Protein backbone atom coordinates (compact mmCIF):
# COMPACT_ATOMS: atom_id res chain seq x y z
CA UNK A 1 -0.05 -0.03 0.00
CA UNK A 2 1.39 3.43 -0.91
CA UNK A 3 2.35 6.02 1.82
CA UNK A 4 -0.44 8.26 0.79
CA UNK A 5 -3.25 5.51 0.76
CA UNK A 6 -1.93 4.09 4.13
CA UNK A 7 -2.35 7.70 5.53
CA UNK A 8 -5.81 8.04 4.13
CA UNK A 9 -7.07 4.94 5.62
CA UNK A 10 -5.54 5.82 8.80
CA UNK A 11 -7.17 9.37 8.76
CA UNK A 12 -10.69 7.68 7.87
CA UNK A 13 -9.86 5.39 10.94
CA UNK A 14 -9.88 8.52 13.11
CA UNK A 15 -13.52 9.16 12.05
CA UNK A 16 -14.57 5.86 13.87
CA UNK A 17 -12.92 6.86 16.97
CA UNK A 18 -15.01 8.92 19.77
CA UNK A 19 -11.93 10.76 21.13
CA UNK A 20 -10.83 11.85 17.59
CA UNK A 21 -14.54 12.99 16.76
CA UNK A 22 -14.40 15.19 19.93
CA UNK A 23 -11.18 16.58 18.94
CA UNK A 24 -12.33 17.23 15.46
CA UNK A 25 -15.58 18.71 16.82
CA UNK A 26 -13.38 21.23 18.98
CA UNK A 27 -11.13 22.03 16.29
CA UNK A 28 -14.00 22.60 13.92
CA UNK A 29 -15.52 25.23 16.33
CA UNK A 30 -12.04 26.72 16.85
CA UNK A 31 -11.98 27.21 13.22
CA UNK A 32 -15.42 28.88 12.90
CA UNK A 33 -14.61 31.11 15.81
CA UNK A 34 -11.32 32.16 14.29
CA UNK A 35 -13.14 32.71 10.94
CA UNK A 36 -15.23 35.33 12.90
CA UNK A 37 -12.79 37.06 15.14
CA UNK A 38 -9.54 36.35 13.62
CA UNK A 39 -10.38 37.64 10.09
CA UNK A 40 -10.08 41.02 8.76
CA UNK A 41 -12.02 41.75 5.47
CA UNK A 42 -9.85 44.08 3.52
CA UNK A 43 -12.33 44.01 0.50
CA UNK A 44 -15.19 41.85 -0.60
CA UNK A 45 -12.85 39.71 -2.27
CA UNK A 46 -9.79 39.95 0.18
CA UNK A 47 -9.69 38.82 3.44
CA UNK A 48 -6.65 38.03 6.08
CA UNK A 49 -7.39 35.53 8.84
CA UNK A 50 -6.09 33.08 11.38
CA UNK A 51 -8.60 30.12 11.19
CA UNK A 52 -6.07 28.44 9.00
CA UNK A 53 -4.15 27.44 12.15
CA UNK A 54 -7.16 25.47 13.41
CA UNK A 55 -7.25 23.62 10.04
CA UNK A 56 -3.71 22.88 10.11
CA UNK A 57 -3.85 21.66 13.69
CA UNK A 58 -6.74 19.37 12.55
CA UNK A 59 -4.91 17.92 9.43
CA UNK A 60 -1.74 17.55 11.69
CA UNK A 61 -3.71 15.52 14.36
CA UNK A 62 -6.38 13.66 12.38
CA UNK A 63 -4.82 13.38 8.58
CA UNK A 64 -6.13 14.37 5.31
CA UNK A 65 -9.50 12.81 5.18
CA UNK A 66 -10.60 13.96 8.58
CA UNK A 67 -8.91 17.31 8.09
CA UNK A 68 -10.49 18.02 4.93
CA UNK A 69 -13.95 16.82 6.12
CA UNK A 70 -13.80 19.05 9.27
CA UNK A 71 -12.49 22.14 7.29
CA UNK A 72 -15.43 21.67 4.68
CA UNK A 73 -17.96 21.37 7.73
CA UNK A 74 -16.38 24.33 9.42
CA UNK A 75 -17.04 26.37 6.26
CA UNK A 76 -20.61 25.72 5.96
CA UNK A 77 -21.12 26.04 9.83
CA UNK A 78 -19.54 29.30 9.63
CA UNK A 79 -21.74 30.44 6.75
CA UNK A 80 -24.87 29.21 8.46
CA UNK A 81 -24.04 31.09 11.51
CA UNK A 82 -22.84 34.32 9.93
CA UNK A 83 -23.67 34.54 6.12
CA UNK A 84 -21.57 37.18 4.22
CA UNK A 85 -23.05 37.28 0.64
CA UNK A 86 -24.44 34.04 -1.14
CA UNK A 87 -23.32 30.55 -0.15
CA UNK A 88 -20.92 29.18 -2.88
CA UNK A 89 -19.98 25.64 -2.82
CA UNK A 90 -16.56 26.51 -4.28
CA UNK A 91 -15.42 28.01 -1.23
CA UNK A 92 -16.42 24.79 0.72
CA UNK A 93 -14.36 22.84 -1.84
CA UNK A 94 -11.25 25.20 -1.04
CA UNK A 95 -11.55 24.63 2.42
CA UNK A 96 -11.75 20.87 2.12
CA UNK A 97 -8.62 21.06 0.09
CA UNK A 98 -6.87 23.11 2.63
CA UNK A 99 -7.67 20.49 5.36
CA UNK A 100 -6.60 17.72 3.04
CA UNK A 101 -3.16 19.45 2.21
CA UNK A 102 -2.38 20.25 5.67
CA UNK A 103 -3.18 16.63 6.58
CA UNK A 104 -0.79 15.34 3.79
CA UNK A 105 2.20 17.42 4.66
CA UNK A 106 1.77 17.33 8.50
CA UNK A 107 -0.04 14.19 9.70
CA UNK A 108 2.29 11.53 11.45
CA UNK A 109 5.23 13.43 10.36
CA UNK A 110 7.86 15.72 11.99
CA UNK A 111 6.81 19.18 12.15
CA UNK A 112 9.52 21.32 10.40
CA UNK A 113 9.77 24.71 8.71
CA UNK A 114 10.00 23.12 5.36
CA UNK A 115 6.77 21.26 5.67
CA UNK A 116 5.24 24.67 7.15
CA UNK A 117 6.38 26.55 4.17
CA UNK A 118 5.42 24.00 1.52
CA UNK A 119 1.77 23.33 2.75
CA UNK A 120 1.24 26.93 3.32
CA UNK A 121 2.73 27.93 -0.09
CA UNK A 122 0.76 25.37 -1.91
CA UNK A 123 -2.17 26.57 -0.36
CA UNK A 124 -1.70 30.26 -0.87
CA UNK A 125 -0.68 29.66 -4.54
CA UNK A 126 -3.22 26.90 -5.59
CA UNK A 127 -6.04 27.46 -3.42
CA UNK A 128 -6.11 31.22 -2.40
CA UNK A 129 -4.81 32.60 -5.57
CA UNK A 130 -5.98 30.02 -7.97
CA UNK A 131 -9.43 28.68 -6.98
CA UNK A 132 -10.48 31.42 -4.57
CA UNK A 133 -9.64 34.12 -6.82
CA UNK A 134 -11.85 32.12 -9.71
CA UNK A 135 -14.62 31.73 -7.10
CA UNK A 136 -14.73 35.41 -6.32
CA UNK A 137 -14.55 36.40 -10.03
CA UNK A 138 -17.68 34.04 -10.75
CA UNK A 139 -19.50 35.23 -7.59
CA UNK A 140 -18.93 38.92 -7.81
CA UNK A 141 -18.70 39.18 -11.58
CA UNK A 142 -15.31 40.73 -11.35
CA UNK A 143 -12.64 39.78 -13.84
CA UNK A 144 -10.12 37.03 -12.64
CA UNK A 145 -7.26 39.02 -13.71
CA UNK A 146 -8.77 42.24 -12.20
CA UNK A 147 -8.67 40.72 -8.55
CA UNK A 148 -5.59 38.56 -9.08
CA UNK A 149 -2.91 41.21 -8.40
CA UNK A 150 -4.39 42.20 -5.09
CA UNK A 151 -4.69 38.66 -3.89
CA UNK A 152 -1.25 37.61 -5.41
CA UNK A 153 0.30 40.53 -3.55
CA UNK A 154 -1.43 39.71 -0.13
CA UNK A 155 -0.55 35.87 -0.39
CA UNK A 156 3.12 36.59 -1.25
CA UNK A 157 3.47 39.20 1.37
CA UNK A 158 1.81 37.11 4.12
CA UNK A 159 3.39 33.61 3.23
CA UNK A 160 6.62 34.09 5.27
CA UNK A 161 4.84 35.32 8.34
CA UNK A 162 1.87 32.71 8.07
CA UNK A 163 4.43 29.93 7.62
CA UNK A 164 6.48 31.12 10.66
CA UNK A 165 3.23 31.47 12.84
CA UNK A 166 2.13 28.00 11.45
CA UNK A 167 5.47 26.42 12.38
CA UNK A 168 5.49 27.91 16.04
CA UNK A 169 1.78 27.22 16.67
CA UNK A 170 2.00 23.66 15.69
CA UNK A 171 5.21 22.93 17.58
CA UNK A 172 3.72 24.55 20.86
CA UNK A 173 0.30 22.90 20.28
CA UNK A 174 2.19 19.48 19.77
CA UNK A 175 4.42 20.02 22.74
CA UNK A 176 1.31 21.27 24.86
CA UNK A 177 -0.75 17.90 23.73
CA UNK A 178 2.18 15.59 24.52
CA UNK A 179 2.77 17.26 28.10
CA UNK A 180 -1.17 16.84 28.82
CA UNK A 181 -0.78 13.10 27.45
CA UNK A 182 -3.69 13.87 24.98
CA UNK A 183 -1.73 12.15 22.00
CA UNK A 184 -0.08 9.00 21.85
CA UNK A 185 1.94 9.22 18.86
CA UNK A 186 5.65 10.12 19.43
CA UNK A 187 7.10 12.96 17.22
């Protein structure tokens, strides 16, 4: 079995564990809360937020399948609690991909600066600048290449800061979870 297939199988297994489901629920709630209080809306198509930290922690602890599902669920719950504009399933797909990518890079692996930079960089490039720009263009009727420069600048400027914060938060969370004996896997 390939490494990725094994990772997905283990991640799906997390969805059968009550303790994991409780952790997923708490991290999904944290994701939703951070999307409300930890997000600044610069324009209708440009936001800066911290909810990616909860999504990354979910992917790190529970893998790509559970991380993607929890991120997508968090997106839907966040919209239901505080709708901002019309619901668009493309953003839920983007959230799912975010949880999945973090799970692929961080699940059962050593948390390194390189993994933090690669996962955040891939998400900034492919999801934030690519898909989310496309979704905003379709949803708000603005040209893709009209809104892309501001989104590209934001993602390029924030990547080093977000990757550094991601690395530090994941390392601190991992140490705290280990000290509290809430996780069993050695890292």
